[in-house]
C-alpha cells in the first residue's frame, strides 16, 4: 500500500534525476571499460568499472540489494558458470554488481547497438549471440572462455520471464558446463521482476535478493550429466523462489 502511495514521487525522482544520472554512469563506465580493458590493459580494467557502474545504478534508483551465501560458495580461485533465473532488466545490474567475481556474459546481439556500451562489451570479450549464431561457434567460444580461467554468467531460461515465475531451462548452459567440465553455481534472483515488469516504462521500487547455492559439480561427460546439472540447478533456484 505504501509503495503505491509513494510511487508517483519515485517516478518524479526518476524523471528529474535518476535516469539522467544512469545515462551518465553508463557512458562513463563504457569509456573506462574500453580504455582500461582493451587499450591500456590495466588488470581487471574491464571488471572494476563495470562493477562500480552496476552498483551505482542500483544506488541511484534506490534499489536495495541483499546478498545471501555468496562468500560461502564462491571461491576466489575457482571458475564457475553462474546460472540465474531471469526476472527482468535489472538482473544485469544486480548480477554484475554483486557477484564480485570477474566473468563474461552471453548476451543478445541487439545490445551491441547501444552507444559506447555495446562496443565496450565487444572489446572486453563478452559473447554476443543471435538467432543465426552457429551453435558450434557459441560452444567453442564459451568453452575457451572457461578454460582460460574466466567465469561466465548465463540465464538458462534464454529470455526474461513474462509473469515473474521461473521458466523452463534450455540445455545450452549445461552443455557448455559439460564440455568445459566447469561447476555451476545456481543463483536465485527475487524482486527484480517487480522493478520493471514487461510492458512498463518506468521503474517501480522493489528490494532485490540474490541467493547463491552450492556448486553443482559435473558427474561425467555425457548427456546424463547435462540433464543432471540442468535439473539440479533449476531445483535449487525453484526452492528459493518457492516454486518447487
C-alpha atoms as a PDB file:
ATOM      1  CA  UNK A   1       0.000   0.000   0.000  1.00  0.00           C
ATOM      2  CA  UNK A   2       2.779   2.434   0.966  1.00  0.00           C
ATOM      3  CA  UNK A   3       4.620   1.636  -2.284  1.00  0.00           C
ATOM      4  CA  UNK A   4       1.557   2.645  -4.330  1.00  0.00           C
ATOM      5  CA  UNK A   5       1.189   5.895  -2.418  1.00  0.00           C
ATOM      6  CA  UNK A   6       4.870   6.797  -2.877  1.00  0.00           C
ATOM      7  CA  UNK A   7       5.142   5.575  -6.497  1.00  0.00           C
ATOM      8  CA  UNK A   8       4.334   8.979  -8.103  1.00  0.00           C
ATOM      9  CA  UNK A   9       7.144  10.554  -6.076  1.00  0.00           C
ATOM     10  CA  UNK A  10       9.501   7.759  -7.182  1.00  0.00           C
ATOM     11  CA  UNK A  11       8.560   8.377 -10.831  1.00  0.00           C
ATOM     12  CA  UNK A  12       9.219  12.107 -10.388  1.00  0.00           C
ATOM     13  CA  UNK A  13      12.614  11.305  -8.841  1.00  0.00           C
ATOM     14  CA  UNK A  14      13.440   9.156 -11.872  1.00  0.00           C
ATOM     15  CA  UNK A  15      12.462  11.855 -14.352  1.00  0.00           C
ATOM     16  CA  UNK A  16      14.287  14.662 -12.580  1.00  0.00           C
ATOM     17  CA  UNK A  17      17.451  12.843 -11.535  1.00  0.00           C
ATOM     18  CA  UNK A  18      17.826   9.046 -11.691  1.00  0.00           C
ATOM     19  CA  UNK A  19      17.568   8.470 -15.451  1.00  0.00           C
ATOM     20  CA  UNK A  20      19.952  11.329 -16.237  1.00  0.00           C
ATOM     21  CA  UNK A  21      22.454  10.037 -13.703  1.00  0.00           C
ATOM     22  CA  UNK A  22      22.095   6.489 -15.059  1.00  0.00           C
ATOM     23  CA  UNK A  23      22.843   7.655 -18.618  1.00  0.00           C
ATOM     24  CA  UNK A  24      25.984   9.479 -17.460  1.00  0.00           C
ATOM     25  CA  UNK A  25      27.078   6.448 -15.450  1.00  0.00           C
ATOM     26  CA  UNK A  26      26.603   4.099 -18.418  1.00  0.00           C
ATOM     27  CA  UNK A  27      28.561   6.356 -20.774  1.00  0.00           C
ATOM     28  CA  UNK A  28      31.386   6.880 -18.310  1.00  0.00           C
ATOM     29  CA  UNK A  29      31.587   3.174 -17.484  1.00  0.00           C
ATOM     30  CA  UNK A  30      31.702   2.224 -21.172  1.00  0.00           C
ATOM     31  CA  UNK A  31      34.607   4.592 -21.817  1.00  0.00           C
ATOM     32  CA  UNK A  32      36.598   3.323 -18.827  1.00  0.00           C
ATOM     33  CA  UNK A  33      35.859  -0.341 -19.645  1.00  0.00           C
ATOM     34  CA  UNK A  34      37.133   0.022 -23.227  1.00  0.00           C
ATOM     35  CA  UNK A  35      40.054   2.243 -22.228  1.00  0.00           C
ATOM     36  CA  UNK A  36      41.404   0.150 -19.362  1.00  0.00           C
ATOM     37  CA  UNK A  37      40.149  -3.241 -20.531  1.00  0.00           C
ATOM     38  CA  UNK A  38      41.467  -3.230 -24.086  1.00  0.00           C
ATOM     39  CA  UNK A  39      43.727  -0.308 -24.882  1.00  0.00           C
ATOM     40  CA  UNK A  40      45.735   0.406 -21.714  1.00  0.00           C
ATOM     41  CA  UNK A  41      45.393  -3.150 -20.353  1.00  0.00           C
ATOM     42  CA  UNK A  42      45.031  -2.434 -16.639  1.00  0.00           C
ATOM     43  CA  UNK A  43      44.480  -5.565 -14.527  1.00  0.00           C
ATOM     44  CA  UNK A  44      40.700  -6.017 -14.036  1.00  0.00           C
ATOM     45  CA  UNK A  45      40.258  -2.808 -16.038  1.00  0.00           C
ATOM     46  CA  UNK A  46      37.216  -4.278 -17.745  1.00  0.00           C
ATOM     47  CA  UNK A  47      35.734  -5.560 -14.494  1.00  0.00           C
ATOM     48  CA  UNK A  48      36.037  -2.942 -11.765  1.00  0.00           C
ATOM     49  CA  UNK A  49      34.428  -0.094 -13.785  1.00  0.00           C
ATOM     50  CA  UNK A  50      31.544  -2.420 -14.702  1.00  0.00           C
ATOM     51  CA  UNK A  51      31.005  -3.449 -11.068  1.00  0.00           C
ATOM     52  CA  UNK A  52      31.010   0.183  -9.929  1.00  0.00           C
ATOM     53  CA  UNK A  53      28.627   1.150 -12.738  1.00  0.00           C
ATOM     54  CA  UNK A  54      26.153  -1.588 -11.828  1.00  0.00           C
ATOM     55  CA  UNK A  55      26.278  -0.872  -8.104  1.00  0.00           C
ATOM     56  CA  UNK A  56      25.930   2.864  -8.595  1.00  0.00           C
ATOM     57  CA  UNK A  57      22.965   2.291 -10.901  1.00  0.00           C
ATOM     58  CA  UNK A  58      21.228   0.307  -8.151  1.00  0.00           C
ATOM     59  CA  UNK A  59      22.017   3.056  -5.655  1.00  0.00           C
ATOM     60  CA  UNK A  60      20.836   5.837  -7.991  1.00  0.00           C
ATOM     61  CA  UNK A  61      17.458   4.106  -8.382  1.00  0.00           C
ATOM     62  CA  UNK A  62      17.354   3.453  -4.611  1.00  0.00           C
ATOM     63  CA  UNK A  63      17.196  -0.334  -5.131  1.00  0.00           C
ATOM     64  CA  UNK A  64      18.461  -2.222  -2.034  1.00  0.00           C
ATOM     65  CA  UNK A  65      20.254  -5.487  -2.825  1.00  0.00           C
ATOM     66  CA  UNK A  66      20.634  -8.287  -0.280  1.00  0.00           C
ATOM     67  CA  UNK A  67      23.267 -10.959  -0.979  1.00  0.00           C
ATOM     68  CA  UNK A  68      22.884 -14.416   0.608  1.00  0.00           C
ATOM     69  CA  UNK A  69      25.658 -17.065   0.854  1.00  0.00           C
ATOM     70  CA  UNK A  70      27.920 -15.629  -1.860  1.00  0.00           C
ATOM     71  CA  UNK A  71      31.070 -15.815   0.260  1.00  0.00           C
ATOM     72  CA  UNK A  72      30.111 -19.293   1.431  1.00  0.00           C
ATOM     73  CA  UNK A  73      30.082 -20.832  -2.049  1.00  0.00           C
ATOM     74  CA  UNK A  74      32.052 -18.601  -4.440  1.00  0.00           C
ATOM     75  CA  UNK A  75      35.775 -19.342  -4.113  1.00  0.00           C
ATOM     76  CA  UNK A  76      38.365 -16.851  -5.317  1.00  0.00           C
ATOM     77  CA  UNK A  77      40.485 -19.226  -7.401  1.00  0.00           C
ATOM     78  CA  UNK A  78      37.677 -21.316  -8.943  1.00  0.00           C
ATOM     79  CA  UNK A  79      35.993 -20.905 -12.332  1.00  0.00           C
ATOM     80  CA  UNK A  80      32.195 -21.173 -12.485  1.00  0.00           C
ATOM     81  CA  UNK A  81      29.143 -20.701 -14.610  1.00  0.00           C
ATOM     82  CA  UNK A  82      26.704 -18.511 -12.686  1.00  0.00           C
ATOM     83  CA  UNK A  83      23.266 -19.682 -13.795  1.00  0.00           C
ATOM     84  CA  UNK A  84      20.407 -17.429 -12.678  1.00  0.00           C
ATOM     85  CA  UNK A  85      16.703 -17.044 -13.279  1.00  0.00           C
ATOM     86  CA  UNK A  86      15.873 -14.027 -15.443  1.00  0.00           C
ATOM     87  CA  UNK A  87      13.154 -11.820 -13.961  1.00  0.00           C
ATOM     88  CA  UNK A  88      13.901  -8.502 -15.618  1.00  0.00           C
ATOM     89  CA  UNK A  89      16.302  -5.882 -16.938  1.00  0.00           C
ATOM     90  CA  UNK A  90      17.745  -5.125 -13.501  1.00  0.00           C
ATOM     91  CA  UNK A  91      19.105  -8.685 -13.251  1.00  0.00           C
ATOM     92  CA  UNK A  92      22.148  -7.498 -15.211  1.00  0.00           C
ATOM     93  CA  UNK A  93      22.966  -4.750 -12.710  1.00  0.00           C
ATOM     94  CA  UNK A  94      22.367  -6.971  -9.695  1.00  0.00           C
ATOM     95  CA  UNK A  95      24.399  -9.894 -11.034  1.00  0.00           C
ATOM     96  CA  UNK A  96      27.357  -7.924 -12.307  1.00  0.00           C
ATOM     97  CA  UNK A  97      27.407  -5.567  -9.368  1.00  0.00           C
ATOM     98  CA  UNK A  98      27.230  -8.126  -6.588  1.00  0.00           C
ATOM     99  CA  UNK A  99      28.750 -11.436  -7.718  1.00  0.00           C
ATOM    100  CA  UNK A 100      32.172  -9.903  -7.039  1.00  0.00           C
ATOM    101  CA  UNK A 101      33.989 -12.175  -9.458  1.00  0.00           C
ATOM    102  CA  UNK A 102      35.241 -11.391 -12.960  1.00  0.00           C
ATOM    103  CA  UNK A 103      33.114 -13.135 -15.547  1.00  0.00           C
ATOM    104  CA  UNK A 104      31.731 -12.836 -19.087  1.00  0.00           C
ATOM    105  CA  UNK A 105      28.139 -12.783 -20.292  1.00  0.00           C
ATOM    106  CA  UNK A 106      26.430 -14.472 -23.193  1.00  0.00           C
ATOM    107  CA  UNK A 107      24.284 -11.562 -24.375  1.00  0.00           C
ATOM    108  CA  UNK A 108      21.881 -10.745 -27.200  1.00  0.00           C
ATOM    109  CA  UNK A 109      23.421  -9.232 -30.313  1.00  0.00           C
ATOM    110  CA  UNK A 110      20.859  -6.395 -30.223  1.00  0.00           C
ATOM    111  CA  UNK A 111      22.708  -4.927 -27.222  1.00  0.00           C
ATOM    112  CA  UNK A 112      25.730  -4.325 -29.461  1.00  0.00           C
ATOM    113  CA  UNK A 113      23.842  -1.315 -30.895  1.00  0.00           C
ATOM    114  CA  UNK A 114      23.799   0.558 -27.567  1.00  0.00           C
ATOM    115  CA  UNK A 115      26.158   3.539 -27.993  1.00  0.00           C
ATOM    116  CA  UNK A 116      29.524   3.149 -26.222  1.00  0.00           C
ATOM    117  CA  UNK A 117      28.306   0.282 -24.013  1.00  0.00           C
ATOM    118  CA  UNK A 118      27.846  -2.154 -26.899  1.00  0.00           C
ATOM    119  CA  UNK A 119      31.385  -1.557 -28.087  1.00  0.00           C
ATOM    120  CA  UNK A 120      32.755  -1.832 -24.547  1.00  0.00           C
ATOM    121  CA  UNK A 121      31.195  -5.283 -24.128  1.00  0.00           C
ATOM    122  CA  UNK A 122      32.574  -6.344 -27.507  1.00  0.00           C
ATOM    123  CA  UNK A 123      36.044  -5.007 -26.693  1.00  0.00           C
ATOM    124  CA  UNK A 124      36.262  -6.901 -23.417  1.00  0.00           C
ATOM    125  CA  UNK A 125      35.237 -10.387 -24.519  1.00  0.00           C
ATOM    126  CA  UNK A 126      31.537 -10.743 -23.743  1.00  0.00           C
ATOM    127  CA  UNK A 127      29.922 -13.167 -26.185  1.00  0.00           C
ATOM    128  CA  UNK A 128      27.231 -11.781 -28.476  1.00  0.00           C
ATOM    129  CA  UNK A 129      24.693 -14.182 -29.956  1.00  0.00           C
ATOM    130  CA  UNK A 130      21.661 -14.009 -32.215  1.00  0.00           C
ATOM    131  CA  UNK A 131      19.323 -16.498 -33.840  1.00  0.00           C
ATOM    132  CA  UNK A 132      21.801 -17.165 -36.649  1.00  0.00           C
ATOM    133  CA  UNK A 133      24.856 -17.763 -34.441  1.00  0.00           C
ATOM    134  CA  UNK A 134      26.157 -21.287 -35.169  1.00  0.00           C
ATOM    135  CA  UNK A 135      25.887 -23.442 -32.066  1.00  0.00           C
ATOM    136  CA  UNK A 136      29.392 -24.822 -32.603  1.00  0.00           C
ATOM    137  CA  UNK A 137      30.817 -21.292 -32.604  1.00  0.00           C
ATOM    138  CA  UNK A 138      28.980 -20.389 -29.391  1.00  0.00           C
ATOM    139  CA  UNK A 139      30.136 -23.571 -27.677  1.00  0.00           C
ATOM    140  CA  UNK A 140      33.733 -23.100 -28.818  1.00  0.00           C
ATOM    141  CA  UNK A 141      33.936 -19.509 -27.585  1.00  0.00           C
ATOM    142  CA  UNK A 142      32.227 -20.297 -24.280  1.00  0.00           C
ATOM    143  CA  UNK A 143      34.412 -23.307 -23.513  1.00  0.00           C
ATOM    144  CA  UNK A 144      37.513 -21.312 -24.469  1.00  0.00           C
ATOM    145  CA  UNK A 145      36.485 -18.554 -22.034  1.00  0.00           C
ATOM    146  CA  UNK A 146      36.003 -21.009 -19.185  1.00  0.00           C
ATOM    147  CA  UNK A 147      39.225 -22.902 -19.847  1.00  0.00           C
ATOM    148  CA  UNK A 148      41.128 -19.605 -19.808  1.00  0.00           C
ATOM    149  CA  UNK A 149      40.088 -19.270 -16.159  1.00  0.00           C
ATOM    150  CA  UNK A 150      37.310 -16.706 -16.654  1.00  0.00           C
ATOM    151  CA  UNK A 151      33.864 -17.490 -15.270  1.00  0.00           C
ATOM    152  CA  UNK A 152      30.622 -16.927 -17.176  1.00  0.00           C
ATOM    153  CA  UNK A 153      27.128 -15.651 -16.407  1.00  0.00           C
ATOM    154  CA  UNK A 154      24.164 -17.195 -18.236  1.00  0.00           C
ATOM    155  CA  UNK A 155      20.372 -17.105 -17.947  1.00  0.00           C
ATOM    156  CA  UNK A 156      19.336 -20.715 -18.756  1.00  0.00           C
ATOM    157  CA  UNK A 157      15.744 -19.635 -19.497  1.00  0.00           C
ATOM    158  CA  UNK A 158      17.089 -17.801 -22.533  1.00  0.00           C
ATOM    159  CA  UNK A 159      14.893 -14.744 -22.011  1.00  0.00           C
ATOM    160  CA  UNK A 160      13.275 -12.895 -19.142  1.00  0.00           C
ATOM    161  CA  UNK A 161      10.002 -14.232 -17.790  1.00  0.00           C
ATOM    162  CA  UNK A 162       6.592 -12.765 -18.605  1.00  0.00           C
ATOM    163  CA  UNK A 163       4.993 -13.211 -15.186  1.00  0.00           C
ATOM    164  CA  UNK A 164       7.753 -13.372 -12.585  1.00  0.00           C
ATOM    165  CA  UNK A 165       7.658 -17.177 -12.465  1.00  0.00           C
ATOM    166  CA  UNK A 166      10.577 -19.487 -13.175  1.00  0.00           C
ATOM    167  CA  UNK A 167      10.525 -20.750 -16.768  1.00  0.00           C
ATOM    168  CA  UNK A 168      11.880 -23.908 -18.331  1.00  0.00           C
ATOM    169  CA  UNK A 169      15.644 -24.175 -18.735  1.00  0.00           C
ATOM    170  CA  UNK A 170      17.333 -24.701 -22.078  1.00  0.00           C
ATOM    171  CA  UNK A 171      20.208 -27.165 -22.276  1.00  0.00           C
ATOM    172  CA  UNK A 172      22.840 -24.872 -23.796  1.00  0.00           C
ATOM    173  CA  UNK A 173      24.228 -23.679 -20.458  1.00  0.00           C
ATOM    174  CA  UNK A 174      24.695 -27.219 -19.242  1.00  0.00           C
ATOM    175  CA  UNK A 175      26.199 -28.481 -22.493  1.00  0.00           C
ATOM    176  CA  UNK A 176      28.834 -25.755 -22.111  1.00  0.00           C
ATOM    177  CA  UNK A 177      29.473 -26.774 -18.491  1.00  0.00           C
ATOM    178  CA  UNK A 178      29.721 -30.425 -19.530  1.00  0.00           C
ATOM    179  CA  UNK A 179      32.208 -29.699 -22.314  1.00  0.00           C
ATOM    180  CA  UNK A 180      34.391 -27.463 -20.115  1.00  0.00           C
ATOM    181  CA  UNK A 181      33.885 -29.627 -17.002  1.00  0.00           C
ATOM    182  CA  UNK A 182      33.012 -26.492 -15.056  1.00  0.00           C
ATOM    183  CA  UNK A 183      30.842 -26.328 -11.937  1.00  0.00           C
ATOM    184  CA  UNK A 184      27.604 -24.336 -11.987  1.00  0.00           C
ATOM    185  CA  UNK A 185      26.538 -22.043  -9.162  1.00  0.00           C
ATOM    186  CA  UNK A 186      22.749 -21.598  -9.155  1.00  0.00           C
ATOM    187  CA  UNK A 187      21.741 -18.013  -8.356  1.00  0.00           C
ATOM    188  CA  UNK A 188      18.164 -17.150  -7.388  1.00  0.00           C
ATOM    189  CA  UNK A 189      17.034 -13.590  -8.081  1.00  0.00           C
ATOM    190  CA  UNK A 190      13.982 -12.353  -6.177  1.00  0.00           C
ATOM    191  CA  UNK A 191      12.294  -8.967  -6.543  1.00  0.00           C
ATOM    192  CA  UNK A 192      13.758  -7.913  -9.874  1.00  0.00           C
ATOM    193  CA  UNK A 193      10.547  -8.623 -11.791  1.00  0.00           C
ATOM    194  CA  UNK A 194       8.657  -6.067  -9.698  1.00  0.00           C
ATOM    195  CA  UNK A 195      11.097  -3.292 -10.651  1.00  0.00           C
ATOM    196  CA  UNK A 196      10.247  -3.334 -14.342  1.00  0.00           C
ATOM    197  CA  UNK A 197       7.531  -5.809 -15.380  1.00  0.00           C
ATOM    198  CA  UNK A 198       7.157  -6.302 -19.131  1.00  0.00           C
ATOM    199  CA  UNK A 199       5.096  -3.509 -20.623  1.00  0.00           C
ATOM    200  CA  UNK A 200       6.045  -0.904 -18.000  1.00  0.00           C
ATOM    201  CA  UNK A 201       8.041   2.190 -18.997  1.00  0.00           C
ATOM    202  CA  UNK A 202       9.096   3.419 -15.575  1.00  0.00           C
ATOM    203  CA  UNK A 203      10.697   1.605 -12.676  1.00  0.00           C
ATOM    204  CA  UNK A 204       8.826   0.502  -9.579  1.00  0.00           C
ATOM    205  CA  UNK A 205      10.719   0.426  -6.300  1.00  0.00           C
ATOM    206  CA  UNK A 206      11.450  -3.101  -5.054  1.00  0.00           C
ATOM    207  CA  UNK A 207      14.219  -4.674  -2.948  1.00  0.00           C
ATOM    208  CA  UNK A 208      16.164  -7.482  -4.613  1.00  0.00           C
ATOM    209  CA  UNK A 209      17.663 -10.598  -3.036  1.00  0.00           C
ATOM    210  CA  UNK A 210      20.489 -12.536  -4.678  1.00  0.00           C
ATOM    211  CA  UNK A 211      20.813 -16.050  -3.217  1.00  0.00           C
ATOM    212  CA  UNK A 212      23.795 -18.255  -4.073  1.00  0.00           C
ATOM    213  CA  UNK A 213      23.662 -22.063  -3.839  1.00  0.00           C
ATOM    214  CA  UNK A 214      26.236 -24.805  -3.503  1.00  0.00           C
ATOM    215  CA  UNK A 215      28.032 -25.555  -6.788  1.00  0.00           C
ATOM    216  CA  UNK A 216      26.512 -28.244  -8.989  1.00  0.00           C
ATOM    217  CA  UNK A 217      29.504 -30.394  -9.880  1.00  0.00           C
ATOM    218  CA  UNK A 218      29.981 -32.320 -13.109  1.00  0.00           C
ATOM    219  CA  UNK A 219      29.371 -36.059 -12.729  1.00  0.00           C
ATOM    220  CA  UNK A 220      30.576 -37.305 -16.069  1.00  0.00           C
ATOM    221  CA  UNK A 221      30.850 -36.129 -19.677  1.00  0.00           C
ATOM    222  CA  UNK A 222      27.664 -37.444 -21.265  1.00  0.00           C
ATOM    223  CA  UNK A 223      24.044 -36.421 -21.837  1.00  0.00           C
ATOM    224  CA  UNK A 224      23.082 -37.791 -18.432  1.00  0.00           C
ATOM    225  CA  UNK A 225      25.469 -35.306 -16.820  1.00  0.00           C
ATOM    226  CA  UNK A 226      23.875 -32.464 -18.795  1.00  0.00           C
ATOM    227  CA  UNK A 227      20.412 -33.497 -17.639  1.00  0.00           C
ATOM    228  CA  UNK A 228      21.571 -33.912 -14.038  1.00  0.00           C
ATOM    229  CA  UNK A 229      23.126 -30.441 -13.895  1.00  0.00           C
ATOM    230  CA  UNK A 230      20.086 -28.827 -15.504  1.00  0.00           C
ATOM    231  CA  UNK A 231      17.625 -30.418 -13.083  1.00  0.00           C
ATOM    232  CA  UNK A 232      19.812 -29.794 -10.008  1.00  0.00           C
ATOM    233  CA  UNK A 233      20.350 -26.135 -10.923  1.00  0.00           C
ATOM    234  CA  UNK A 234      16.686 -25.476 -11.599  1.00  0.00           C
ATOM    235  CA  UNK A 235      15.609 -27.284  -8.429  1.00  0.00           C
ATOM    236  CA  UNK A 236      17.930 -25.158  -6.265  1.00  0.00           C
ATOM    237  CA  UNK A 237      16.610 -21.907  -7.732  1.00  0.00           C
ATOM    238  CA  UNK A 238      12.991 -23.081  -7.651  1.00  0.00           C
ATOM    239  CA  UNK A 239      13.281 -23.972  -3.977  1.00  0.00           C
ATOM    240  CA  UNK A 240      14.441 -20.475  -3.068  1.00  0.00           C
ATOM    241  CA  UNK A 241      11.632 -18.938  -5.143  1.00  0.00           C
ATOM    242  CA  UNK A 242       9.077 -21.248  -3.517  1.00  0.00           C
ATOM    243  CA  UNK A 243       8.272 -22.880  -6.868  1.00  0.00           C
ATOM    244  CA  UNK A 244       9.326 -26.477  -6.303  1.00  0.00           C
END
